[in-house]
Amino acid sequence: MIGIIDYGMGNLGSVTNAFRFLELDAKIVTRNQELADCRALILPGVGAFGDCMAHLVEHDFVDAIEGWVQAGKPMMGICLGLQALFESSEESPGVEGLGIFAGTVKRFDLPKELKVPQIGWNRMEETQPDCPMFEGIDNGSFFYLVHSFYVCPQDESIVAGKTEYGIEYCTSVWKDNVFATQFHPEKSQAVGLCMLKNFWNWAEVQ
């Protein structure tokens, strides 16, 4: 079973519906004690970095997530769930992220003709084509994004995909048992559903 973490904010309905459509066993978890029934986790999220971290602390998920990752169990972050994996964000100065990955989250500083937030479809170029979540997905496929901030990993080797929007920036990361995306697979139609199914398959053999 895949656990979808509910910490008081996030795109839970669309993620849950995507797994239901795929006929895969997933459930929303609201307490860290429920993680024992799961073999993989998804950390979704929409909204502000500071609010996200405050809610994770309030719901006692911080230590649980860190322990999960350290134990080598499969995890996927989506949108704000990707940003929360890093150490800090310009959106919420002074707020510590989960620190799973070294690096920070920066706000787009773009020419006026490019709107912020970026809302809509954009291509992802695969930089780790052997990533199991890309199985059956063409390089340069379009995914759906809604965001004003982007992650800047210290370690370039964890970057799995990049997107161009005024600048080239990281839209997915993969290292060991953790995969995360800035875009929303659950809102990216067939290609996004394929990615979620790939995550399910990958988690089964971890």
N, C-alpha and C. Protein backbone atom coordinates (compact mmCIF):
# COMPACT_ATOMS: atom_id res chain seq x y z
N MET A 1 0.84 -1.20 0.00
CA MET A 1 0.00 0.00 0.00
C MET A 1 0.88 1.25 0.00
N ILE A 2 0.47 2.25 -0.77
CA ILE A 2 1.17 3.53 -0.77
C ILE A 2 0.43 4.50 0.15
N GLY A 3 1.14 5.15 1.04
CA GLY A 3 0.56 6.13 1.93
C GLY A 3 0.73 7.53 1.38
N ILE A 4 -0.37 8.29 1.32
CA ILE A 4 -0.34 9.67 0.87
C ILE A 4 -0.47 10.54 2.12
N ILE A 5 0.58 11.26 2.44
CA ILE A 5 0.64 11.96 3.72
C ILE A 5 -0.29 13.17 3.73
N ASP A 6 -1.19 13.21 4.71
CA ASP A 6 -2.09 14.33 4.91
C ASP A 6 -1.61 15.09 6.15
N TYR A 7 -1.02 16.27 5.91
CA TYR A 7 -0.53 17.09 7.02
C TYR A 7 -1.28 18.41 7.09
N GLY A 8 -2.48 18.43 6.50
CA GLY A 8 -3.33 19.60 6.61
C GLY A 8 -3.33 20.50 5.40
N MET A 9 -2.49 20.18 4.41
CA MET A 9 -2.49 20.97 3.17
C MET A 9 -1.92 20.10 2.07
N GLY A 10 -2.52 20.16 0.89
CA GLY A 10 -1.99 19.33 -0.19
C GLY A 10 -3.06 18.97 -1.20
N ASN A 11 -2.59 18.42 -2.32
CA ASN A 11 -3.47 18.03 -3.41
C ASN A 11 -3.89 16.56 -3.25
N LEU A 12 -4.49 16.26 -2.09
CA LEU A 12 -4.78 14.86 -1.75
C LEU A 12 -5.82 14.25 -2.67
N GLY A 13 -6.86 15.01 -3.00
CA GLY A 13 -7.94 14.46 -3.81
C GLY A 13 -7.47 14.00 -5.17
N SER A 14 -6.70 14.82 -5.86
CA SER A 14 -6.27 14.47 -7.21
C SER A 14 -5.27 13.33 -7.19
N VAL A 15 -4.39 13.30 -6.19
CA VAL A 15 -3.43 12.19 -6.08
C VAL A 15 -4.15 10.89 -5.79
N THR A 16 -5.07 10.92 -4.84
CA THR A 16 -5.83 9.73 -4.49
C THR A 16 -6.65 9.23 -5.66
N ASN A 17 -7.29 10.16 -6.38
CA ASN A 17 -8.09 9.77 -7.54
C ASN A 17 -7.25 9.15 -8.64
N ALA A 18 -6.02 9.62 -8.79
CA ALA A 18 -5.14 9.06 -9.81
C ALA A 18 -4.83 7.60 -9.50
N PHE A 19 -4.55 7.29 -8.26
CA PHE A 19 -4.27 5.91 -7.90
C PHE A 19 -5.53 5.05 -7.98
N ARG A 20 -6.66 5.65 -7.64
CA ARG A 20 -7.92 4.91 -7.77
C ARG A 20 -8.18 4.58 -9.23
N PHE A 21 -7.92 5.53 -10.13
CA PHE A 21 -8.10 5.30 -11.56
C PHE A 21 -7.18 4.18 -12.05
N LEU A 22 -5.96 4.13 -11.50
CA LEU A 22 -5.00 3.09 -11.87
C LEU A 22 -5.29 1.75 -11.18
N GLU A 23 -6.28 1.76 -10.29
CA GLU A 23 -6.65 0.57 -9.52
C GLU A 23 -5.48 0.06 -8.69
N LEU A 24 -4.79 1.01 -8.05
CA LEU A 24 -3.67 0.70 -7.18
C LEU A 24 -4.03 1.08 -5.75
N ASP A 25 -3.52 0.31 -4.82
CA ASP A 25 -3.89 0.46 -3.42
C ASP A 25 -3.13 1.60 -2.76
N ALA A 26 -3.83 2.68 -2.48
CA ALA A 26 -3.23 3.84 -1.82
C ALA A 26 -4.22 4.39 -0.81
N LYS A 27 -3.72 4.96 0.27
CA LYS A 27 -4.61 5.54 1.27
C LYS A 27 -3.98 6.80 1.84
N ILE A 28 -4.84 7.68 2.33
CA ILE A 28 -4.38 8.89 3.01
C ILE A 28 -4.02 8.55 4.45
N VAL A 29 -2.85 8.99 4.88
CA VAL A 29 -2.43 8.77 6.27
C VAL A 29 -2.38 10.11 6.99
N THR A 30 -3.01 10.16 8.14
CA THR A 30 -3.08 11.41 8.90
C THR A 30 -2.25 11.37 10.17
N ARG A 31 -1.75 10.19 10.55
CA ARG A 31 -0.92 10.04 11.75
C ARG A 31 0.33 9.24 11.39
N ASN A 32 1.46 9.58 11.99
CA ASN A 32 2.70 8.88 11.63
C ASN A 32 2.66 7.40 12.00
N GLN A 33 1.79 7.05 12.94
CA GLN A 33 1.67 5.63 13.32
C GLN A 33 1.15 4.77 12.17
N GLU A 34 0.42 5.40 11.24
CA GLU A 34 -0.15 4.67 10.11
C GLU A 34 0.89 4.29 9.06
N LEU A 35 2.08 4.86 9.15
CA LEU A 35 3.11 4.58 8.15
C LEU A 35 3.55 3.12 8.21
N ALA A 36 3.36 2.48 9.35
CA ALA A 36 3.77 1.08 9.50
C ALA A 36 3.04 0.17 8.52
N ASP A 37 1.86 0.59 8.05
CA ASP A 37 1.08 -0.23 7.12
C ASP A 37 1.45 0.04 5.66
N CYS A 38 2.38 0.94 5.42
CA CYS A 38 2.71 1.36 4.06
C CYS A 38 4.09 0.83 3.63
N ARG A 39 4.23 0.61 2.33
CA ARG A 39 5.53 0.22 1.81
C ARG A 39 6.17 1.34 1.01
N ALA A 40 5.41 2.41 0.73
CA ALA A 40 5.93 3.58 0.03
C ALA A 40 5.11 4.79 0.46
N LEU A 41 5.72 5.97 0.35
CA LEU A 41 5.06 7.20 0.76
C LEU A 41 5.06 8.22 -0.36
N ILE A 42 4.00 9.04 -0.38
CA ILE A 42 3.96 10.21 -1.24
C ILE A 42 3.74 11.43 -0.36
N LEU A 43 4.61 12.44 -0.55
CA LEU A 43 4.46 13.71 0.15
C LEU A 43 3.98 14.74 -0.86
N PRO A 44 2.68 15.03 -0.89
CA PRO A 44 2.15 16.03 -1.82
C PRO A 44 2.23 17.41 -1.19
N GLY A 45 1.73 18.40 -1.89
CA GLY A 45 1.68 19.71 -1.26
C GLY A 45 1.39 20.83 -2.23
N VAL A 46 0.62 21.78 -1.77
CA VAL A 46 0.42 23.05 -2.46
C VAL A 46 0.43 24.13 -1.38
N GLY A 47 0.84 25.34 -1.76
CA GLY A 47 0.86 26.41 -0.79
C GLY A 47 2.27 26.88 -0.48
N ALA A 48 2.47 27.42 0.72
CA ALA A 48 3.73 28.06 1.09
C ALA A 48 4.65 27.10 1.85
N PHE A 49 5.94 27.27 1.63
CA PHE A 49 6.96 26.44 2.27
C PHE A 49 6.86 26.48 3.80
N GLY A 50 6.74 27.69 4.35
CA GLY A 50 6.69 27.83 5.81
C GLY A 50 5.48 27.14 6.41
N ASP A 51 4.32 27.30 5.76
CA ASP A 51 3.11 26.63 6.24
C ASP A 51 3.25 25.12 6.17
N CYS A 52 3.88 24.65 5.09
CA CYS A 52 4.10 23.21 4.92
C CYS A 52 4.90 22.65 6.07
N MET A 53 6.03 23.29 6.38
CA MET A 53 6.89 22.77 7.45
C MET A 53 6.21 22.88 8.81
N ALA A 54 5.45 23.96 9.04
CA ALA A 54 4.73 24.10 10.31
C ALA A 54 3.71 22.98 10.48
N HIS A 55 3.01 22.64 9.40
CA HIS A 55 2.03 21.57 9.47
C HIS A 55 2.70 20.20 9.66
N LEU A 56 3.84 19.99 9.02
CA LEU A 56 4.54 18.72 9.20
C LEU A 56 5.00 18.56 10.65
N VAL A 57 5.48 19.64 11.24
CA VAL A 57 5.88 19.61 12.65
C VAL A 57 4.66 19.35 13.54
N GLU A 58 3.58 20.09 13.28
CA GLU A 58 2.37 19.97 14.09
C GLU A 58 1.79 18.57 14.06
N HIS A 59 1.89 17.89 12.92
CA HIS A 59 1.33 16.56 12.78
C HIS A 59 2.35 15.45 13.03
N ASP A 60 3.51 15.83 13.58
CA ASP A 60 4.54 14.86 13.98
C ASP A 60 5.03 13.99 12.82
N PHE A 61 5.19 14.61 11.65
CA PHE A 61 5.66 13.85 10.49
C PHE A 61 7.15 14.05 10.19
N VAL A 62 7.78 15.06 10.77
CA VAL A 62 9.16 15.37 10.39
C VAL A 62 10.10 14.22 10.70
N ASP A 63 10.13 13.79 11.95
CA ASP A 63 11.02 12.68 12.33
C ASP A 63 10.63 11.40 11.60
N ALA A 64 9.33 11.20 11.41
CA ALA A 64 8.85 9.98 10.73
C ALA A 64 9.34 9.93 9.29
N ILE A 65 9.30 11.07 8.59
CA ILE A 65 9.76 11.11 7.21
C ILE A 65 11.27 10.92 7.14
N GLU A 66 11.99 11.58 8.02
CA GLU A 66 13.45 11.44 8.04
C GLU A 66 13.84 9.99 8.31
N GLY A 67 13.15 9.36 9.26
CA GLY A 67 13.44 7.96 9.57
C GLY A 67 13.10 7.04 8.41
N TRP A 68 12.02 7.35 7.72
CA TRP A 68 11.59 6.56 6.55
C TRP A 68 12.68 6.58 5.47
N VAL A 69 13.16 7.77 5.16
CA VAL A 69 14.18 7.92 4.12
C VAL A 69 15.48 7.24 4.54
N GLN A 70 15.89 7.43 5.79
CA GLN A 70 17.12 6.82 6.27
C GLN A 70 17.05 5.29 6.26
N ALA A 71 15.84 4.76 6.39
CA ALA A 71 15.66 3.30 6.35
C ALA A 71 15.67 2.75 4.93
N GLY A 72 15.76 3.63 3.94
CA GLY A 72 15.82 3.19 2.55
C GLY A 72 14.49 2.84 1.93
N LYS A 73 13.39 3.33 2.51
CA LYS A 73 12.07 3.01 1.99
C LYS A 73 11.68 4.00 0.89
N PRO A 74 10.89 3.56 -0.10
CA PRO A 74 10.56 4.41 -1.25
C PRO A 74 9.68 5.60 -0.87
N MET A 75 10.03 6.75 -1.45
CA MET A 75 9.26 7.97 -1.18
C MET A 75 9.24 8.83 -2.43
N MET A 76 8.11 9.51 -2.63
CA MET A 76 7.95 10.43 -3.76
C MET A 76 7.39 11.75 -3.26
N GLY A 77 8.00 12.86 -3.65
CA GLY A 77 7.50 14.19 -3.34
C GLY A 77 6.89 14.83 -4.57
N ILE A 78 5.83 15.61 -4.39
CA ILE A 78 5.16 16.28 -5.49
C ILE A 78 5.01 17.76 -5.19
N CYS A 79 5.49 18.62 -6.10
CA CYS A 79 5.35 20.06 -6.01
C CYS A 79 5.98 20.59 -4.71
N LEU A 80 5.19 21.13 -3.81
CA LEU A 80 5.74 21.59 -2.53
C LEU A 80 6.39 20.44 -1.77
N GLY A 81 5.93 19.23 -2.03
CA GLY A 81 6.55 18.05 -1.42
C GLY A 81 7.97 17.82 -1.89
N LEU A 82 8.31 18.31 -3.08
CA LEU A 82 9.71 18.33 -3.54
C LEU A 82 10.48 19.41 -2.79
N GLN A 83 9.94 20.62 -2.75
CA GLN A 83 10.66 21.73 -2.13
C GLN A 83 10.94 21.48 -0.65
N ALA A 84 10.01 20.82 0.04
CA ALA A 84 10.18 20.56 1.47
C ALA A 84 11.34 19.61 1.76
N LEU A 85 11.79 18.86 0.75
CA LEU A 85 12.91 17.94 0.95
C LEU A 85 14.25 18.66 1.08
N PHE A 86 14.27 19.96 0.75
CA PHE A 86 15.52 20.72 0.79
C PHE A 86 15.66 21.48 2.11
N GLU A 87 16.78 22.20 2.24
CA GLU A 87 17.13 22.78 3.53
C GLU A 87 16.40 24.07 3.85
N SER A 88 16.08 24.86 2.82
CA SER A 88 15.47 26.16 3.08
C SER A 88 14.82 26.69 1.81
N SER A 89 14.07 27.78 1.95
CA SER A 89 13.41 28.39 0.80
C SER A 89 13.38 29.90 0.95
N GLU A 90 13.59 30.60 -0.16
CA GLU A 90 13.46 32.06 -0.15
C GLU A 90 12.03 32.48 0.17
N GLU A 91 11.08 31.58 0.00
CA GLU A 91 9.68 31.92 0.30
C GLU A 91 9.46 32.13 1.78
N SER A 92 10.22 31.43 2.62
CA SER A 92 10.03 31.48 4.07
C SER A 92 11.39 31.54 4.76
N PRO A 93 12.05 32.70 4.76
CA PRO A 93 13.37 32.82 5.36
C PRO A 93 13.38 32.40 6.84
N GLY A 94 14.40 31.66 7.20
CA GLY A 94 14.54 31.22 8.60
C GLY A 94 13.83 29.92 8.92
N VAL A 95 13.03 29.40 7.99
CA VAL A 95 12.32 28.13 8.21
C VAL A 95 13.15 26.99 7.66
N GLU A 96 13.41 26.00 8.48
CA GLU A 96 14.18 24.84 8.05
C GLU A 96 13.29 23.84 7.32
N GLY A 97 13.79 23.35 6.19
CA GLY A 97 13.12 22.26 5.50
C GLY A 97 13.52 20.93 6.08
N LEU A 98 13.11 19.85 5.44
CA LEU A 98 13.44 18.52 5.94
C LEU A 98 14.93 18.22 5.80
N GLY A 99 15.61 18.84 4.85
CA GLY A 99 17.04 18.65 4.71
C GLY A 99 17.44 17.27 4.20
N ILE A 100 16.53 16.60 3.52
CA ILE A 100 16.87 15.31 2.91
C ILE A 100 17.93 15.53 1.84
N PHE A 101 17.81 16.64 1.11
CA PHE A 101 18.79 17.02 0.10
C PHE A 101 19.40 18.38 0.46
N ALA A 102 20.69 18.54 0.18
CA ALA A 102 21.35 19.82 0.38
C ALA A 102 20.95 20.77 -0.75
N GLY A 103 20.68 22.01 -0.36
CA GLY A 103 20.29 23.00 -1.35
C GLY A 103 19.13 23.83 -0.86
N THR A 104 18.72 24.77 -1.68
CA THR A 104 17.66 25.68 -1.29
C THR A 104 16.62 25.80 -2.40
N VAL A 105 15.59 26.57 -2.11
CA VAL A 105 14.51 26.81 -3.06
C VAL A 105 14.48 28.31 -3.36
N LYS A 106 14.51 28.66 -4.65
CA LYS A 106 14.58 30.07 -5.05
C LYS A 106 13.33 30.49 -5.80
N ARG A 107 13.06 31.79 -5.73
CA ARG A 107 11.93 32.35 -6.48
C ARG A 107 12.37 32.70 -7.90
N PHE A 108 11.49 32.46 -8.87
CA PHE A 108 11.77 32.87 -10.24
C PHE A 108 12.04 34.38 -10.30
N ASP A 109 13.10 34.76 -10.99
CA ASP A 109 13.40 36.15 -11.28
C ASP A 109 13.54 36.23 -12.79
N LEU A 110 12.44 36.54 -13.47
CA LEU A 110 12.34 36.36 -14.91
C LEU A 110 11.95 37.65 -15.61
N PRO A 111 12.18 37.73 -16.92
CA PRO A 111 11.70 38.89 -17.69
C PRO A 111 10.19 39.06 -17.55
N LYS A 112 9.72 40.29 -17.73
CA LYS A 112 8.32 40.61 -17.48
C LYS A 112 7.36 39.82 -18.37
N GLU A 113 7.82 39.41 -19.54
CA GLU A 113 6.92 38.69 -20.45
C GLU A 113 6.62 37.26 -19.98
N LEU A 114 7.39 36.78 -19.01
CA LEU A 114 7.15 35.45 -18.46
C LEU A 114 6.42 35.59 -17.12
N LYS A 115 5.24 35.04 -17.06
CA LYS A 115 4.42 35.20 -15.87
C LYS A 115 4.90 34.30 -14.73
N VAL A 116 4.80 34.83 -13.53
CA VAL A 116 5.07 34.08 -12.31
C VAL A 116 3.85 34.22 -11.42
N PRO A 117 3.26 33.11 -10.98
CA PRO A 117 3.73 31.73 -11.13
C PRO A 117 3.63 31.20 -12.57
N GLN A 118 4.47 30.22 -12.85
CA GLN A 118 4.34 29.48 -14.09
C GLN A 118 3.15 28.53 -13.93
N ILE A 119 2.18 28.66 -14.80
CA ILE A 119 0.99 27.80 -14.74
C ILE A 119 0.77 27.20 -16.12
N GLY A 120 0.79 25.89 -16.18
CA GLY A 120 0.50 25.23 -17.45
C GLY A 120 1.48 24.12 -17.76
N TRP A 121 1.52 23.74 -19.03
CA TRP A 121 2.29 22.59 -19.47
C TRP A 121 3.67 23.01 -19.94
N ASN A 122 4.67 22.19 -19.60
CA ASN A 122 6.03 22.46 -20.06
C ASN A 122 6.78 21.13 -20.18
N ARG A 123 7.82 21.16 -21.00
CA ARG A 123 8.59 19.95 -21.25
C ARG A 123 9.57 19.65 -20.12
N MET A 124 9.82 18.37 -19.89
CA MET A 124 10.91 17.96 -19.02
C MET A 124 11.93 17.18 -19.84
N GLU A 125 13.18 17.63 -19.78
CA GLU A 125 14.28 16.91 -20.40
C GLU A 125 14.92 16.01 -19.35
N GLU A 126 14.99 14.75 -19.64
CA GLU A 126 15.53 13.77 -18.69
C GLU A 126 17.05 13.88 -18.62
N THR A 127 17.57 14.04 -17.43
CA THR A 127 19.01 14.06 -17.23
C THR A 127 19.51 12.77 -16.58
N GLN A 128 18.58 11.97 -16.08
CA GLN A 128 18.89 10.61 -15.63
C GLN A 128 17.93 9.66 -16.36
N PRO A 129 18.19 9.38 -17.62
CA PRO A 129 17.25 8.59 -18.41
C PRO A 129 17.03 7.17 -17.89
N ASP A 130 17.95 6.70 -17.00
CA ASP A 130 17.78 5.37 -16.43
C ASP A 130 16.87 5.38 -15.20
N CYS A 131 16.34 6.54 -14.84
CA CYS A 131 15.43 6.62 -13.69
C CYS A 131 14.21 5.74 -13.96
N PRO A 132 13.90 4.82 -13.04
CA PRO A 132 12.78 3.90 -13.28
C PRO A 132 11.43 4.60 -13.40
N MET A 133 11.28 5.81 -12.88
CA MET A 133 10.01 6.53 -13.00
C MET A 133 9.78 7.06 -14.41
N PHE A 134 10.82 7.01 -15.28
CA PHE A 134 10.69 7.48 -16.65
C PHE A 134 10.42 6.35 -17.63
N GLU A 135 10.24 5.16 -17.13
CA GLU A 135 9.99 4.01 -18.00
C GLU A 135 8.74 4.25 -18.85
N GLY A 136 8.88 4.11 -20.17
CA GLY A 136 7.75 4.29 -21.06
C GLY A 136 7.36 5.73 -21.32
N ILE A 137 8.15 6.70 -20.83
CA ILE A 137 7.86 8.12 -21.00
C ILE A 137 8.90 8.73 -21.93
N ASP A 138 8.46 9.34 -23.00
CA ASP A 138 9.37 9.94 -23.96
C ASP A 138 10.10 11.13 -23.35
N ASN A 139 11.40 11.23 -23.63
CA ASN A 139 12.14 12.42 -23.23
C ASN A 139 11.51 13.65 -23.89
N GLY A 140 11.36 14.73 -23.11
CA GLY A 140 10.72 15.93 -23.62
C GLY A 140 9.22 15.94 -23.48
N SER A 141 8.67 14.98 -22.74
CA SER A 141 7.23 14.95 -22.52
C SER A 141 6.78 16.16 -21.71
N PHE A 142 5.50 16.52 -21.88
CA PHE A 142 4.93 17.68 -21.19
C PHE A 142 4.28 17.25 -19.88
N PHE A 143 4.51 18.05 -18.84
CA PHE A 143 3.88 17.86 -17.54
C PHE A 143 3.27 19.18 -17.09
N TYR A 144 2.32 19.09 -16.14
CA TYR A 144 1.59 20.27 -15.68
C TYR A 144 2.24 20.86 -14.44
N LEU A 145 2.49 22.18 -14.48
CA LEU A 145 3.17 22.87 -13.38
C LEU A 145 2.36 24.06 -12.90
N VAL A 146 2.46 24.32 -11.59
CA VAL A 146 1.91 25.54 -10.98
C VAL A 146 2.88 25.92 -9.87
N HIS A 147 3.76 26.91 -10.11
CA HIS A 147 4.73 27.24 -9.06
C HIS A 147 5.43 28.56 -9.36
N SER A 148 5.91 29.18 -8.28
CA SER A 148 6.68 30.42 -8.35
C SER A 148 8.12 30.21 -7.90
N PHE A 149 8.41 29.04 -7.32
CA PHE A 149 9.73 28.74 -6.77
C PHE A 149 10.25 27.44 -7.37
N TYR A 150 11.57 27.28 -7.37
CA TYR A 150 12.18 26.08 -7.93
C TYR A 150 13.37 25.66 -7.07
N VAL A 151 13.68 24.38 -7.07
CA VAL A 151 14.74 23.86 -6.22
C VAL A 151 16.10 24.01 -6.89
N CYS A 152 17.11 24.24 -6.06
CA CYS A 152 18.50 24.38 -6.52
C CYS A 152 19.37 23.41 -5.72
N PRO A 153 19.48 22.15 -6.16
CA PRO A 153 20.27 21.18 -5.42
C PRO A 153 21.76 21.52 -5.46
N GLN A 154 22.43 21.31 -4.33
CA GLN A 154 23.89 21.47 -4.30
C GLN A 154 24.56 20.39 -5.13
N ASP A 155 24.01 19.19 -5.07
CA ASP A 155 24.57 18.04 -5.79
C ASP A 155 23.83 17.88 -7.11
N GLU A 156 24.48 18.25 -8.19
CA GLU A 156 23.86 18.18 -9.52
C GLU A 156 23.51 16.76 -9.91
N SER A 157 24.17 15.78 -9.31
CA SER A 157 23.96 14.39 -9.71
C SER A 157 22.57 13.87 -9.34
N ILE A 158 21.88 14.55 -8.42
CA ILE A 158 20.55 14.08 -8.04
C ILE A 158 19.46 14.58 -9.00
N VAL A 159 19.80 15.54 -9.86
CA VAL A 159 18.82 16.10 -10.79
C VAL A 159 18.46 15.04 -11.82
N ALA A 160 17.17 14.73 -11.91
CA ALA A 160 16.69 13.71 -12.85
C ALA A 160 16.06 14.32 -14.09
N GLY A 161 15.56 15.57 -13.97
CA GLY A 161 14.93 16.22 -15.11
C GLY A 161 15.00 17.73 -14.98
N LYS A 162 15.07 18.41 -16.13
CA LYS A 162 15.14 19.86 -16.16
C LYS A 162 14.10 20.42 -17.12
N THR A 163 13.71 21.67 -16.85
CA THR A 163 12.71 22.36 -17.66
C THR A 163 13.19 23.77 -17.96
N GLU A 164 12.81 24.29 -19.09
CA GLU A 164 13.19 25.65 -19.51
C GLU A 164 12.00 26.58 -19.33
N TYR A 165 12.20 27.63 -18.54
CA TYR A 165 11.21 28.69 -18.40
C TYR A 165 11.96 29.98 -18.07
N GLY A 166 12.50 30.60 -19.08
CA GLY A 166 13.37 31.75 -18.86
C GLY A 166 14.76 31.34 -18.46
N ILE A 167 14.84 30.37 -17.57
CA ILE A 167 16.08 29.73 -17.16
C ILE A 167 15.87 28.22 -17.24
N GLU A 168 16.95 27.49 -17.21
CA GLU A 168 16.86 26.04 -17.09
C GLU A 168 16.91 25.70 -15.60
N TYR A 169 15.95 24.96 -15.13
CA TYR A 169 15.90 24.65 -13.70
C TYR A 169 15.48 23.19 -13.48
N CYS A 170 15.68 22.73 -12.28
CA CYS A 170 15.41 21.34 -11.92
C CYS A 170 13.92 21.12 -11.69
N THR A 171 13.35 20.11 -12.38
CA THR A 171 11.95 19.77 -12.14
C THR A 171 11.76 18.37 -11.60
N SER A 172 12.83 17.60 -11.45
CA SER A 172 12.70 16.31 -10.76
C SER A 172 14.07 15.89 -10.23
N VAL A 173 14.04 15.18 -9.13
CA VAL A 173 15.26 14.66 -8.52
C VAL A 173 15.07 13.17 -8.23
N TRP A 174 16.17 12.47 -8.23
CA TRP A 174 16.15 11.05 -7.88
C TRP A 174 17.48 10.66 -7.28
N LYS A 175 17.44 10.11 -6.08
CA LYS A 175 18.63 9.55 -5.45
C LYS A 175 18.19 8.42 -4.55
N ASP A 176 18.78 7.25 -4.78
CA ASP A 176 18.51 6.07 -3.96
C ASP A 176 17.01 5.79 -3.89
N ASN A 177 16.41 5.98 -2.73
CA ASN A 177 15.00 5.62 -2.53
C ASN A 177 14.05 6.80 -2.61
N VAL A 178 14.54 7.97 -3.02
CA VAL A 178 13.70 9.17 -3.04
C VAL A 178 13.62 9.75 -4.45
N PHE A 179 12.39 9.95 -4.91
CA PHE A 179 12.12 10.59 -6.19
C PHE A 179 11.12 11.71 -5.94
N ALA A 180 11.29 12.84 -6.61
CA ALA A 180 10.36 13.95 -6.40
C ALA A 180 10.29 14.82 -7.64
N THR A 181 9.13 15.46 -7.82
CA THR A 181 8.89 16.29 -8.99
C THR A 181 8.32 17.65 -8.60
N GLN A 182 8.67 18.69 -9.38
CA GLN A 182 8.03 19.99 -9.21
C GLN A 182 6.66 19.99 -9.87
N PHE A 183 6.53 19.28 -10.95
CA PHE A 183 5.25 19.20 -11.66
C PHE A 183 4.29 18.24 -10.96
N HIS A 184 3.06 18.23 -11.43
CA HIS A 184 2.02 17.38 -10.84
C HIS A 184 1.75 16.18 -11.76
N PRO A 185 2.30 15.01 -11.46
CA PRO A 185 1.99 13.84 -12.29
C PRO A 185 0.50 13.52 -12.31
N GLU A 186 -0.16 13.73 -11.18
CA GLU A 186 -1.57 13.37 -11.06
C GLU A 186 -2.47 14.27 -11.91
N LYS A 187 -1.91 15.40 -12.41
CA LYS A 187 -2.66 16.32 -13.26
C LYS A 187 -2.10 16.36 -14.68
N SER A 188 -1.21 15.41 -14.99
CA SER A 188 -0.50 15.43 -16.27
C SER A 188 -0.99 14.35 -17.23
N GLN A 189 -2.23 13.97 -17.08
CA GLN A 189 -2.89 13.05 -18.00
C GLN A 189 -2.11 11.73 -18.13
N ALA A 190 -2.07 11.15 -19.32
CA ALA A 190 -1.55 9.79 -19.48
C ALA A 190 -0.10 9.66 -19.07
N VAL A 191 0.71 10.67 -19.41
CA VAL A 191 2.13 10.58 -19.09
C VAL A 191 2.36 10.63 -17.57
N GLY A 192 1.55 11.42 -16.87
CA GLY A 192 1.66 11.49 -15.42
C GLY A 192 1.19 10.22 -14.74
N LEU A 193 0.10 9.65 -15.25
CA LEU A 193 -0.38 8.38 -14.71
C LEU A 193 0.66 7.28 -14.90
N CYS A 194 1.34 7.31 -16.04
CA CYS A 194 2.41 6.35 -16.29
C CYS A 194 3.51 6.49 -15.24
N MET A 195 3.85 7.72 -14.89
CA MET A 195 4.89 7.95 -13.88
C MET A 195 4.46 7.43 -12.52
N LEU A 196 3.21 7.65 -12.13
CA LEU A 196 2.72 7.13 -10.85
C LEU A 196 2.72 5.60 -10.84
N LYS A 197 2.35 5.00 -11.96
CA LYS A 197 2.40 3.54 -12.05
C LYS A 197 3.84 3.05 -11.96
N ASN A 198 4.76 3.77 -12.57
CA ASN A 198 6.17 3.40 -12.47
C ASN A 198 6.66 3.48 -11.02
N PHE A 199 6.20 4.51 -10.29
CA PHE A 199 6.58 4.62 -8.88
C PHE A 199 6.06 3.42 -8.10
N TRP A 200 4.83 3.03 -8.36
CA TRP A 200 4.25 1.85 -7.72
C TRP A 200 5.10 0.61 -8.02
N ASN A 201 5.45 0.41 -9.28
CA ASN A 201 6.24 -0.76 -9.66
C ASN A 201 7.63 -0.73 -9.02
N TRP A 202 8.24 0.44 -9.01
CA TRP A 202 9.57 0.60 -8.41
C TRP A 202 9.53 0.31 -6.91
N ALA A 203 8.49 0.81 -6.25
CA ALA A 203 8.37 0.60 -4.81
C ALA A 203 8.20 -0.88 -4.46
N GLU A 204 7.60 -1.63 -5.36
CA GLU A 204 7.38 -3.05 -5.09
C GLU A 204 8.67 -3.84 -4.97
N VAL A 205 9.72 -3.38 -5.64
CA VAL A 205 10.96 -4.16 -5.67
C VAL A 205 12.05 -3.54 -4.80
N GLN A 206 11.74 -2.46 -4.11
CA GLN A 206 12.74 -1.84 -3.24
C GLN A 206 12.88 -2.60 -1.93
